[in-house]
N, C-alpha and C. Protein backbone atom coordinates (compact mmCIF):
# COMPACT_ATOMS: atom_id res chain seq x y z
N UNK A 1 86.36 47.42 63.60
CA UNK A 1 85.28 47.38 64.46
C UNK A 1 84.80 48.92 64.37
N UNK A 2 83.53 48.77 64.13
CA UNK A 2 82.75 50.06 64.27
C UNK A 2 82.81 50.62 65.86
N UNK A 3 82.82 51.98 65.62
CA UNK A 3 82.81 52.84 66.76
C UNK A 3 81.19 53.28 67.33
N UNK A 4 80.97 53.16 68.73
CA UNK A 4 79.92 53.38 68.97
C UNK A 4 79.79 55.03 69.95
N UNK A 5 78.82 55.73 69.83
CA UNK A 5 78.83 56.58 70.25
C UNK A 5 77.98 56.72 71.86
N UNK A 6 77.18 55.64 72.01
CA UNK A 6 76.60 55.05 72.97
C UNK A 6 76.09 53.78 72.94
N UNK A 7 76.36 52.97 74.55
CA UNK A 7 75.98 51.74 74.33
C UNK A 7 74.59 51.43 75.57
N UNK A 8 74.15 50.53 75.46
CA UNK A 8 73.21 49.93 76.74
C UNK A 8 72.99 48.39 76.80
N UNK A 9 72.45 48.06 77.45
CA UNK A 9 72.18 46.60 77.64
C UNK A 9 71.92 45.91 76.20
N UNK A 10 70.67 46.40 75.60
CA UNK A 10 70.33 46.05 74.28
C UNK A 10 70.88 46.78 72.97
N UNK A 11 71.41 47.76 73.19
CA UNK A 11 71.43 49.00 72.00
C UNK A 11 72.59 49.55 72.06
N UNK A 12 72.85 49.71 70.71
CA UNK A 12 74.08 50.60 70.34
C UNK A 12 73.47 51.52 70.00
N UNK A 13 73.97 53.36 69.77
CA UNK A 13 74.29 54.15 68.77
C UNK A 13 75.47 54.69 68.28
N UNK A 14 75.32 54.61 67.20
CA UNK A 14 76.10 54.94 65.93
C UNK A 14 75.81 56.00 64.61
N UNK A 15 76.79 57.04 64.99
CA UNK A 15 76.39 58.15 63.80
C UNK A 15 75.90 57.25 62.37
N UNK A 16 74.81 57.66 62.02
CA UNK A 16 74.22 56.99 60.47
C UNK A 16 75.75 57.54 59.66
N UNK A 17 75.29 56.54 58.77
CA UNK A 17 76.16 56.59 57.41
C UNK A 17 75.76 55.68 56.37
N UNK A 18 76.25 56.06 55.21
CA UNK A 18 75.91 54.73 53.77
C UNK A 18 76.54 54.04 54.20
N UNK A 19 77.86 53.70 54.35
CA UNK A 19 78.43 52.37 54.09
C UNK A 19 77.69 51.40 55.38
N UNK A 20 77.36 51.86 56.21
CA UNK A 20 76.88 51.13 57.19
C UNK A 20 75.51 50.54 57.37
N UNK A 21 74.63 51.72 57.03
CA UNK A 21 73.17 51.84 57.47
C UNK A 21 72.09 51.78 56.72
N UNK A 22 72.96 52.14 54.90
CA UNK A 22 71.57 52.27 54.50
C UNK A 22 70.53 51.00 53.70
N UNK A 23 71.08 49.93 53.63
CA UNK A 23 70.37 48.62 53.42
C UNK A 23 69.05 48.70 54.60
N UNK A 24 69.52 49.08 55.80
CA UNK A 24 68.74 48.41 57.11
C UNK A 24 67.33 49.86 57.05
N UNK A 25 68.47 51.02 56.93
CA UNK A 25 67.16 52.30 56.78
C UNK A 25 66.55 52.08 56.07
N UNK A 26 66.93 51.93 54.51
CA UNK A 26 65.89 51.75 53.45
C UNK A 26 64.53 50.55 54.01
N UNK A 27 65.04 49.72 54.97
CA UNK A 27 64.15 48.81 55.17
C UNK A 27 63.07 49.15 56.34
N UNK A 28 63.73 50.35 56.94
CA UNK A 28 62.79 51.08 57.87
C UNK A 28 61.78 52.09 57.11
N UNK A 29 62.67 52.78 56.30
CA UNK A 29 61.77 53.75 55.44
C UNK A 29 60.84 53.58 54.55
N UNK A 30 60.63 52.75 53.91
CA UNK A 30 59.91 52.05 53.24
C UNK A 30 58.80 50.85 53.67
N UNK A 31 59.15 51.01 54.70
CA UNK A 31 57.68 50.03 55.34
C UNK A 31 56.81 51.28 55.63
N UNK A 32 55.41 50.89 55.17
CA UNK A 32 54.26 51.66 55.51
C UNK A 32 54.04 52.22 56.57
N UNK A 33 53.72 51.11 57.66
CA UNK A 33 53.72 51.22 59.08
C UNK A 33 54.78 52.25 59.91
N UNK A 34 56.01 52.33 59.48
CA UNK A 34 56.59 53.17 59.70
C UNK A 34 56.49 54.32 59.68
N UNK A 35 56.04 54.74 58.52
CA UNK A 35 55.77 55.96 57.42
C UNK A 35 54.47 56.73 58.47
N UNK A 36 53.89 55.61 58.96
CA UNK A 36 52.06 56.25 58.87
C UNK A 36 52.08 57.31 59.58
N UNK A 37 52.87 57.81 60.66
CA UNK A 37 52.63 59.06 61.22
C UNK A 37 53.77 60.19 60.36
N UNK A 38 53.82 60.29 59.43
CA UNK A 38 55.25 60.61 58.45
C UNK A 38 54.67 61.68 57.62
N UNK A 39 54.94 62.87 57.09
CA UNK A 39 54.62 64.06 56.04
C UNK A 39 54.86 62.77 54.98
N UNK A 40 55.68 62.38 54.67
CA UNK A 40 56.80 61.60 53.43
C UNK A 40 55.64 60.21 53.26
N UNK A 41 56.05 59.56 52.26
CA UNK A 41 55.34 58.88 51.77
C UNK A 41 56.66 57.35 51.98
N UNK A 42 56.33 55.94 52.20
CA UNK A 42 57.42 55.02 51.94
C UNK A 42 58.44 55.69 51.01
N UNK A 43 59.33 55.36 51.36
CA UNK A 43 59.98 54.79 49.89
C UNK A 43 60.38 54.00 49.20
N UNK A 44 60.33 54.26 48.28
CA UNK A 44 60.00 53.20 46.66
C UNK A 44 61.60 52.83 46.54
N UNK A 45 62.37 53.72 46.83
CA UNK A 45 63.95 53.07 45.98
C UNK A 45 64.99 53.40 47.23
N UNK A 46 65.93 52.56 46.97
CA UNK A 46 67.51 52.85 47.95
C UNK A 46 68.19 54.50 48.25
N UNK A 47 67.67 54.45 46.56
CA UNK A 47 68.09 55.90 46.28
C UNK A 47 67.61 56.78 47.13
N UNK A 48 66.44 57.22 47.69
CA UNK A 48 65.87 57.92 48.16
C UNK A 48 66.22 58.04 49.46
N UNK A 49 66.34 56.51 50.11
CA UNK A 49 67.13 56.78 51.60
C UNK A 49 68.10 56.64 51.69
N UNK A 50 68.93 57.06 50.60
CA UNK A 50 70.96 57.27 50.31
C UNK A 50 70.32 59.03 50.56
N UNK A 51 70.05 59.61 49.86
CA UNK A 51 69.46 61.24 49.68
C UNK A 51 69.38 61.57 51.31
N UNK A 52 68.33 60.86 51.83
CA UNK A 52 68.15 61.52 53.12
C UNK A 52 69.32 61.01 54.35
N UNK A 53 70.10 60.21 53.98
CA UNK A 53 71.17 59.82 54.59
C UNK A 53 72.25 60.72 54.58
N UNK A 54 72.39 61.60 53.32
CA UNK A 54 73.21 62.10 53.18
C UNK A 54 73.17 63.75 53.76
N UNK A 55 71.65 63.82 53.53
CA UNK A 55 71.32 65.22 54.17
C UNK A 55 71.13 65.17 55.69
N UNK A 56 71.43 64.29 56.40
CA UNK A 56 71.28 64.33 57.92
C UNK A 56 72.40 64.05 58.24
N UNK A 57 73.52 64.72 57.53
CA UNK A 57 74.93 64.89 58.39
C UNK A 57 75.50 66.33 58.89
N UNK A 58 75.65 66.45 59.92
CA UNK A 58 76.44 67.69 60.10
C UNK A 58 77.30 68.34 59.36
N UNK A 59 77.16 69.71 59.28
CA UNK A 59 77.54 70.45 58.20
C UNK A 59 78.11 71.87 58.81
N UNK A 60 79.20 72.81 58.34
CA UNK A 60 79.64 74.20 59.13
C UNK A 60 77.92 74.54 59.47
N UNK A 61 77.03 74.80 58.08
CA UNK A 61 75.91 76.15 58.16
C UNK A 61 74.66 75.05 59.35
N UNK A 62 74.59 73.46 59.36
CA UNK A 62 74.12 72.91 60.21
C UNK A 62 74.65 72.06 61.44
N UNK A 63 75.44 72.38 62.35
CA UNK A 63 76.25 71.47 63.06
C UNK A 63 75.57 70.96 63.98
N UNK A 64 74.44 71.11 64.62
CA UNK A 64 73.29 70.25 65.04
C UNK A 64 72.92 69.28 64.37
N UNK A 65 72.79 69.05 62.84
CA UNK A 65 72.27 68.21 62.13
C UNK A 65 72.64 66.58 62.32
N UNK A 66 72.01 65.92 63.13
CA UNK A 66 72.78 64.84 63.16
C UNK A 66 71.92 63.54 63.52
N UNK A 67 72.26 62.38 63.12
CA UNK A 67 71.24 61.36 63.29
C UNK A 67 72.16 60.11 64.02
N UNK A 68 71.53 58.93 64.64
CA UNK A 68 72.10 57.76 65.07
C UNK A 68 71.19 56.95 64.84
N UNK A 69 71.94 55.68 63.99
CA UNK A 69 71.23 54.25 64.05
C UNK A 69 71.16 53.66 65.54
N UNK A 70 70.33 53.29 65.49
CA UNK A 70 69.85 52.26 66.72
C UNK A 70 70.03 51.16 66.80
N UNK A 71 71.17 50.57 66.95
CA UNK A 71 71.53 49.20 66.56
C UNK A 71 71.25 48.16 67.59
N UNK A 72 70.67 46.58 67.55
CA UNK A 72 69.95 46.20 68.70
C UNK A 72 71.28 45.00 68.74
N UNK A 73 71.86 44.77 69.61
CA UNK A 73 72.79 43.88 69.93
C UNK A 73 72.49 42.82 70.26
N UNK A 74 73.31 41.59 69.48
CA UNK A 74 73.06 40.52 68.93
C UNK A 74 72.23 39.70 70.29
N UNK A 75 73.67 40.10 71.36
CA UNK A 75 73.37 38.77 72.77
C UNK A 75 73.49 40.00 73.48
N UNK A 76 72.72 40.67 74.51
CA UNK A 76 72.88 41.35 75.34
C UNK A 76 73.97 41.13 76.42
N UNK A 77 73.69 40.20 76.63
CA UNK A 77 75.38 39.65 77.59
C UNK A 77 76.79 39.85 77.38
N UNK A 78 76.94 39.92 75.64
CA UNK A 78 78.03 39.93 75.22
C UNK A 78 78.70 41.32 75.36
N UNK A 79 80.28 40.78 75.81
CA UNK A 79 81.01 42.48 75.87
C UNK A 79 81.03 43.02 74.60
N UNK A 80 80.75 44.42 74.39
CA UNK A 80 81.22 45.18 73.40
C UNK A 80 82.52 44.74 71.97
N UNK A 81 83.35 44.16 72.89
CA UNK A 81 84.84 43.73 72.29
C UNK A 81 84.61 42.47 71.70
N UNK A 82 83.57 41.66 71.92
CA UNK A 82 83.85 40.25 71.66
C UNK A 82 82.32 40.29 70.57
N UNK A 83 81.70 41.55 69.77
CA UNK A 83 80.12 41.41 69.67
C UNK A 83 80.82 41.46 67.93
N UNK A 84 80.53 40.05 67.36
CA UNK A 84 81.22 39.65 65.78
C UNK A 84 79.97 39.81 64.68
N UNK A 85 78.89 39.67 65.10
CA UNK A 85 77.78 39.43 64.04
C UNK A 85 77.20 40.94 63.37
N UNK A 86 77.40 41.38 62.46
CA UNK A 86 76.82 42.97 61.86
C UNK A 86 75.24 43.00 62.38
N UNK A 87 75.24 44.16 63.38
CA UNK A 87 74.42 44.52 63.72
C UNK A 87 73.28 45.41 63.55
N UNK A 88 72.13 44.42 63.62
CA UNK A 88 70.58 45.20 62.79
C UNK A 88 70.73 46.69 63.47
N UNK A 89 70.00 47.33 62.29
CA UNK A 89 69.76 48.79 62.49
C UNK A 89 68.00 48.81 62.71
N UNK A 90 67.64 49.08 64.06
CA UNK A 90 66.26 49.08 64.29
C UNK A 90 65.41 50.46 64.29
N UNK A 91 66.37 51.50 64.04
CA UNK A 91 65.82 52.31 64.12
C UNK A 91 66.67 53.96 63.84
N UNK A 92 65.82 55.01 64.28
CA UNK A 92 67.16 56.52 64.14
C UNK A 92 66.57 56.88 64.87
N UNK A 93 67.20 57.96 65.61
CA UNK A 93 67.14 58.81 66.73
C UNK A 93 67.98 60.12 66.38
N UNK A 94 67.74 61.12 66.64
CA UNK A 94 68.48 62.61 66.66
C UNK A 94 67.96 63.92 66.34
N UNK A 95 68.58 64.90 65.64
CA UNK A 95 68.29 66.34 65.46
C UNK A 95 68.21 67.08 64.33
N UNK A 96 67.21 66.47 63.27
CA UNK A 96 67.21 67.27 62.05
C UNK A 96 66.93 68.65 61.92
N UNK A 97 66.34 69.38 62.79
CA UNK A 97 66.39 70.94 62.96
C UNK A 97 67.35 71.08 64.09
N UNK A 98 67.38 72.19 64.35
CA UNK A 98 68.00 72.73 65.61
C UNK A 98 67.44 72.89 66.58
N UNK A 99 68.01 71.99 67.61
CA UNK A 99 67.14 71.66 68.92
C UNK A 99 66.08 70.99 68.98
N UNK A 100 65.60 69.91 67.58
CA UNK A 100 64.46 69.87 67.70
C UNK A 100 64.61 67.95 67.36
N UNK A 101 63.64 67.11 68.23
CA UNK A 101 63.93 65.57 68.75
C UNK A 101 63.05 65.09 67.42
N UNK A 102 64.02 64.07 66.39
CA UNK A 102 63.12 63.26 65.49
C UNK A 102 63.68 61.88 66.05
N UNK A 103 62.37 60.59 65.77
CA UNK A 103 63.06 59.29 65.88
C UNK A 103 61.73 58.55 64.97
N UNK A 104 62.45 57.68 64.71
CA UNK A 104 61.59 56.35 64.17
C UNK A 104 62.28 55.29 64.24
N UNK A 105 61.26 54.22 64.41
CA UNK A 105 61.94 52.36 64.41
C UNK A 105 61.12 51.93 64.11
N UNK A 106 61.69 50.80 63.74
CA UNK A 106 60.78 49.58 62.76
C UNK A 106 59.62 48.95 63.25
N UNK A 107 58.77 48.94 62.84
CA UNK A 107 57.28 48.48 63.85
C UNK A 107 57.53 47.21 64.13
N UNK A 108 58.37 46.20 63.58
CA UNK A 108 59.14 44.84 64.07
C UNK A 108 59.58 45.48 65.51
N UNK A 109 59.96 46.39 66.04
CA UNK A 109 60.80 46.80 67.04
C UNK A 109 59.74 47.46 68.25
N UNK A 110 58.12 47.53 67.86
CA UNK A 110 57.38 48.54 68.44
C UNK A 110 57.24 47.83 69.86
N UNK A 111 56.63 48.40 71.29
CA UNK A 111 56.59 47.86 72.19
C UNK A 111 57.06 46.86 73.20
N UNK A 112 58.80 47.43 72.82
CA UNK A 112 59.50 46.24 73.40
C UNK A 112 60.73 47.60 74.54
N UNK A 113 60.04 48.49 74.31
CA UNK A 113 60.92 49.40 75.43
C UNK A 113 62.41 50.21 74.89
N UNK A 114 63.12 49.73 73.14
CA UNK A 114 63.43 50.12 72.46
C UNK A 114 63.93 51.60 72.02
N UNK A 115 62.61 52.33 71.90
CA UNK A 115 62.88 53.58 71.21
C UNK A 115 62.94 54.71 72.75
N UNK A 116 62.18 53.90 73.95
CA UNK A 116 62.79 54.92 75.42
C UNK A 116 63.89 54.83 75.55
N UNK A 117 64.75 53.79 75.29
CA UNK A 117 66.46 53.19 75.63
C UNK A 117 67.29 53.85 74.94
N UNK A 118 66.50 53.72 73.72
CA UNK A 118 67.70 54.58 72.40
C UNK A 118 67.53 56.36 72.76
N UNK A 119 66.26 56.93 73.48
CA UNK A 119 65.92 58.07 73.26
C UNK A 119 67.33 58.89 74.86
N UNK A 120 66.71 57.19 75.75
CA UNK A 120 67.66 58.16 76.98
C UNK A 120 69.32 58.34 76.69
N UNK A 121 69.63 57.22 75.81
CA UNK A 121 71.00 57.39 75.51
C UNK A 121 71.46 58.80 74.63
N UNK A 122 70.60 58.72 73.56
CA UNK A 122 70.66 60.08 72.77
C UNK A 122 70.57 61.55 73.44
N UNK A 123 69.65 61.20 74.72
CA UNK A 123 69.34 62.72 75.13
C UNK A 123 71.24 63.29 76.19
N UNK A 124 71.17 61.82 76.86
CA UNK A 124 72.39 62.02 77.31
C UNK A 124 73.52 62.40 76.46
N UNK A 125 73.72 62.16 75.34
CA UNK A 125 74.49 62.76 74.11
C UNK A 125 74.24 63.86 73.90
N UNK A 126 73.32 64.39 73.67
CA UNK A 126 73.07 65.76 73.08
C UNK A 126 73.39 66.57 74.29
N UNK A 127 72.80 66.66 75.83
CA UNK A 127 73.17 67.43 76.50
C UNK A 127 74.19 67.16 76.59
N UNK A 128 75.30 66.73 76.83
CA UNK A 128 76.90 66.20 77.11
C UNK A 128 77.77 66.86 76.10
N UNK A 129 77.25 67.25 75.05
CA UNK A 129 77.74 67.69 73.73
C UNK A 129 78.18 69.00 73.33
N UNK A 130 79.47 69.63 73.04
CA UNK A 130 79.98 70.79 73.16
C UNK A 130 79.18 71.87 72.15
N UNK A 131 78.62 71.28 70.81
CA UNK A 131 77.89 71.96 69.69
C UNK A 131 76.42 72.63 70.79
N UNK A 132 75.77 71.37 71.41
CA UNK A 132 74.52 71.84 72.21
C UNK A 132 74.53 71.90 73.54
N UNK A 133 75.93 72.75 73.82
CA UNK A 133 75.70 73.17 75.36
C UNK A 133 74.91 74.86 75.27
N UNK A 134 74.72 75.29 74.14
CA UNK A 134 73.93 76.18 74.44
C UNK A 134 72.83 76.55 74.36
N UNK A 135 71.85 75.12 74.18
CA UNK A 135 71.08 75.09 74.08
C UNK A 135 70.13 74.64 75.51
N UNK A 136 69.06 75.28 75.82
CA UNK A 136 68.64 75.23 77.23
C UNK A 136 67.20 74.42 77.03
N UNK A 137 66.96 74.07 76.05
CA UNK A 137 65.64 73.23 75.79
C UNK A 137 66.04 72.03 74.57
N UNK A 138 65.40 71.08 74.29
CA UNK A 138 64.98 70.18 73.21
C UNK A 138 63.79 70.20 73.10
N UNK A 139 63.48 70.32 72.01
CA UNK A 139 61.98 70.60 71.07
C UNK A 139 61.51 69.38 70.69
N UNK A 140 60.40 68.32 70.62
CA UNK A 140 59.91 67.09 69.96
C UNK A 140 58.17 67.55 69.37
N UNK A 141 57.72 66.84 68.33
CA UNK A 141 56.51 67.22 67.68
C UNK A 141 55.83 65.89 67.73
N UNK A 142 54.62 65.62 68.51
CA UNK A 142 54.25 63.94 68.02
C UNK A 142 52.47 64.31 67.40
N UNK A 143 51.90 63.40 66.62
CA UNK A 143 50.38 63.15 66.49
C UNK A 143 49.99 63.23 67.77
N UNK A 144 48.90 63.55 68.28
CA UNK A 144 48.34 63.17 69.35
C UNK A 144 47.76 61.98 69.63
N UNK A 145 47.62 61.47 68.37
CA UNK A 145 46.57 59.87 68.02
C UNK A 145 47.68 58.85 68.08
N UNK A 146 49.45 59.36 68.18
CA UNK A 146 49.99 58.34 67.92
C UNK A 146 50.75 58.03 69.59
N UNK A 147 49.91 57.60 70.40
CA UNK A 147 49.75 57.28 71.81
C UNK A 147 50.99 57.12 71.98
N UNK A 148 51.83 55.78 70.88
CA UNK A 148 53.46 55.19 71.55
C UNK A 148 54.29 56.27 71.62
N UNK A 149 54.65 57.39 70.69
CA UNK A 149 54.80 58.09 70.41
C UNK A 149 55.13 59.26 71.82
N UNK A 150 54.17 59.48 71.81
CA UNK A 150 53.71 60.58 72.98
C UNK A 150 54.23 59.89 74.43
N UNK A 151 53.65 58.69 74.88
CA UNK A 151 54.23 58.00 75.57
C UNK A 151 55.99 58.02 76.29
N UNK A 152 56.49 57.67 74.90
CA UNK A 152 57.73 58.05 74.87
C UNK A 152 58.39 58.98 75.04
N UNK A 153 57.91 60.23 74.69
CA UNK A 153 58.76 61.30 75.06
C UNK A 153 57.86 61.72 76.57
N UNK A 154 57.05 61.60 76.84
CA UNK A 154 56.92 61.93 78.08
C UNK A 154 57.30 61.28 79.22
N UNK A 155 57.91 59.90 78.95
CA UNK A 155 58.50 59.17 79.89
C UNK A 155 59.90 59.73 79.93
N UNK A 156 60.10 60.23 78.70
CA UNK A 156 61.81 61.02 78.68
C UNK A 156 61.28 62.02 79.93
N UNK A 157 60.89 62.50 79.79
CA UNK A 157 60.39 63.83 80.82
C UNK A 157 60.08 64.76 79.88
N UNK A 158 59.70 64.81 78.66
CA UNK A 158 58.98 65.93 77.94
C UNK A 158 57.88 66.44 78.28
N UNK A 159 57.44 67.51 78.64
CA UNK A 159 56.24 68.16 78.82
C UNK A 159 55.11 68.63 77.77
N UNK A 160 54.13 68.76 77.84
CA UNK A 160 53.25 68.98 76.63
C UNK A 160 53.45 70.55 76.35
N UNK A 161 53.14 71.07 75.23
CA UNK A 161 53.27 71.90 75.47
C UNK A 161 51.87 73.02 74.04
N UNK A 162 52.11 73.78 73.38
CA UNK A 162 50.85 74.02 72.14
C UNK A 162 50.47 72.78 71.29
N UNK A 163 49.00 72.75 71.15
CA UNK A 163 48.48 71.55 70.41
C UNK A 163 48.15 72.51 69.29
N UNK A 164 48.81 72.29 68.12
CA UNK A 164 48.64 72.95 66.65
C UNK A 164 47.46 71.84 65.97
N UNK A 165 46.23 72.31 66.13
CA UNK A 165 45.34 71.83 65.65
C UNK A 165 45.48 71.98 63.66
N UNK A 166 44.90 70.84 63.16
CA UNK A 166 45.01 70.63 61.57
C UNK A 166 46.36 71.37 60.89
N UNK A 167 47.60 70.89 61.63
CA UNK A 167 48.81 71.42 61.27
C UNK A 167 49.68 70.39 60.40
N UNK A 168 49.56 69.60 60.03
CA UNK A 168 50.09 68.59 58.70
C UNK A 168 49.17 67.91 58.22
N UNK A 169 49.44 67.26 56.96
CA UNK A 169 49.33 66.39 56.05
C UNK A 169 49.55 65.14 56.51
N UNK A 170 49.41 64.06 56.74
CA UNK A 170 49.91 62.76 56.93
C UNK A 170 49.82 62.38 55.25
N UNK A 171 51.15 61.71 55.00
CA UNK A 171 51.03 61.02 53.62
C UNK A 171 50.24 59.64 53.27
N UNK A 172 49.97 59.10 54.58
CA UNK A 172 49.14 58.09 54.55
C UNK A 172 48.02 58.14 54.91
N UNK A 173 47.44 59.73 54.87
CA UNK A 173 45.89 59.61 54.35
C UNK A 173 45.52 60.49 53.32
N UNK A 174 46.93 60.58 52.53
CA UNK A 174 46.70 61.07 51.37
C UNK A 174 45.37 62.14 51.40
N UNK A 175 46.10 63.50 52.07
CA UNK A 175 44.75 64.50 52.19
C UNK A 175 43.64 64.34 52.73
N UNK A 176 43.50 63.40 52.80
CA UNK A 176 42.09 63.43 53.38
C UNK A 176 41.84 64.12 54.45
N UNK A 177 42.58 64.90 55.66
CA UNK A 177 42.37 65.45 56.53
C UNK A 177 43.86 65.88 56.82
N UNK A 178 43.68 67.31 57.67
CA UNK A 178 44.89 67.81 58.35
C UNK A 178 44.83 67.24 59.84
N UNK A 179 46.03 66.86 60.11
CA UNK A 179 46.17 66.26 61.57
C UNK A 179 46.77 67.19 62.41
N UNK A 180 47.00 66.98 64.04
CA UNK A 180 46.70 67.60 64.68
C UNK A 180 48.20 67.30 65.14
N UNK A 181 49.05 68.56 65.68
CA UNK A 181 50.61 67.76 66.06
C UNK A 181 50.89 68.51 67.74
N UNK A 182 51.10 67.43 68.59
CA UNK A 182 51.29 68.35 70.15
C UNK A 182 52.68 68.89 69.97
N UNK A 183 53.21 69.52 70.62
CA UNK A 183 54.67 69.67 70.21
C UNK A 183 54.62 69.98 72.18
N UNK A 184 55.95 69.43 72.35
CA UNK A 184 56.38 68.97 73.39
C UNK A 184 57.97 69.43 73.88
N UNK A 185 58.40 70.30 74.84
CA UNK A 185 59.61 70.30 75.18
C UNK A 185 60.24 69.86 76.58
N UNK A 186 61.53 69.57 76.27
CA UNK A 186 62.22 68.94 77.21
C UNK A 186 63.87 70.05 78.06
N UNK A 187 63.46 70.17 79.00
CA UNK A 187 64.32 71.39 79.38
C UNK A 187 65.53 70.91 79.98
N UNK A 188 66.48 71.70 79.77
CA UNK A 188 68.16 70.98 80.34
C UNK A 188 67.98 70.69 81.16
N UNK A 189 68.49 69.50 81.92
CA UNK A 189 68.68 68.83 83.23
C UNK A 189 69.71 70.15 83.83
N UNK A 190 69.25 69.91 85.00
CA UNK A 190 70.36 70.79 86.03
C UNK A 190 71.42 69.75 86.27
N UNK A 191 72.65 69.98 86.20
CA UNK A 191 73.88 69.47 86.45
C UNK A 191 74.30 69.02 88.03
């Protein structure tokens, strides 16, 4: 049985791995809607996703480089010990850069509260982790036009900071214009 870093009524978080998550992660990364707010274009081959997973592992140089697969439980009332079906990966959450949050969820699961639920589990892990004890805050960025993402961050307690005008190029716009980026910060909670 696989091990899980965190669980809720509907979800599990599991460290992202090639063996368990490559196919589902490719389905997320190759979907045009998943990549709408990204600098990157949708993946066109599983090899692109494989390279991303391999680059998303902690290392001595980047111990904070962690990603968790967001797994949907087959039946929320089933105890973990009796969960027998392969769980579907619906998203990813983690820290691709030091003390910087990133996440993505497959569009089939948008608007159901899964990202907020997964983010809360991730934040609990982040603040409790030995490696993260030196951080007094966590940052995140979202396109201000991506209202769902900004709501997820605000619901989790992130505060808006600087609005970076014309900061990045969305691949989906094919260079048509530079998009703004909203900077968010979440302070370490008081113990």
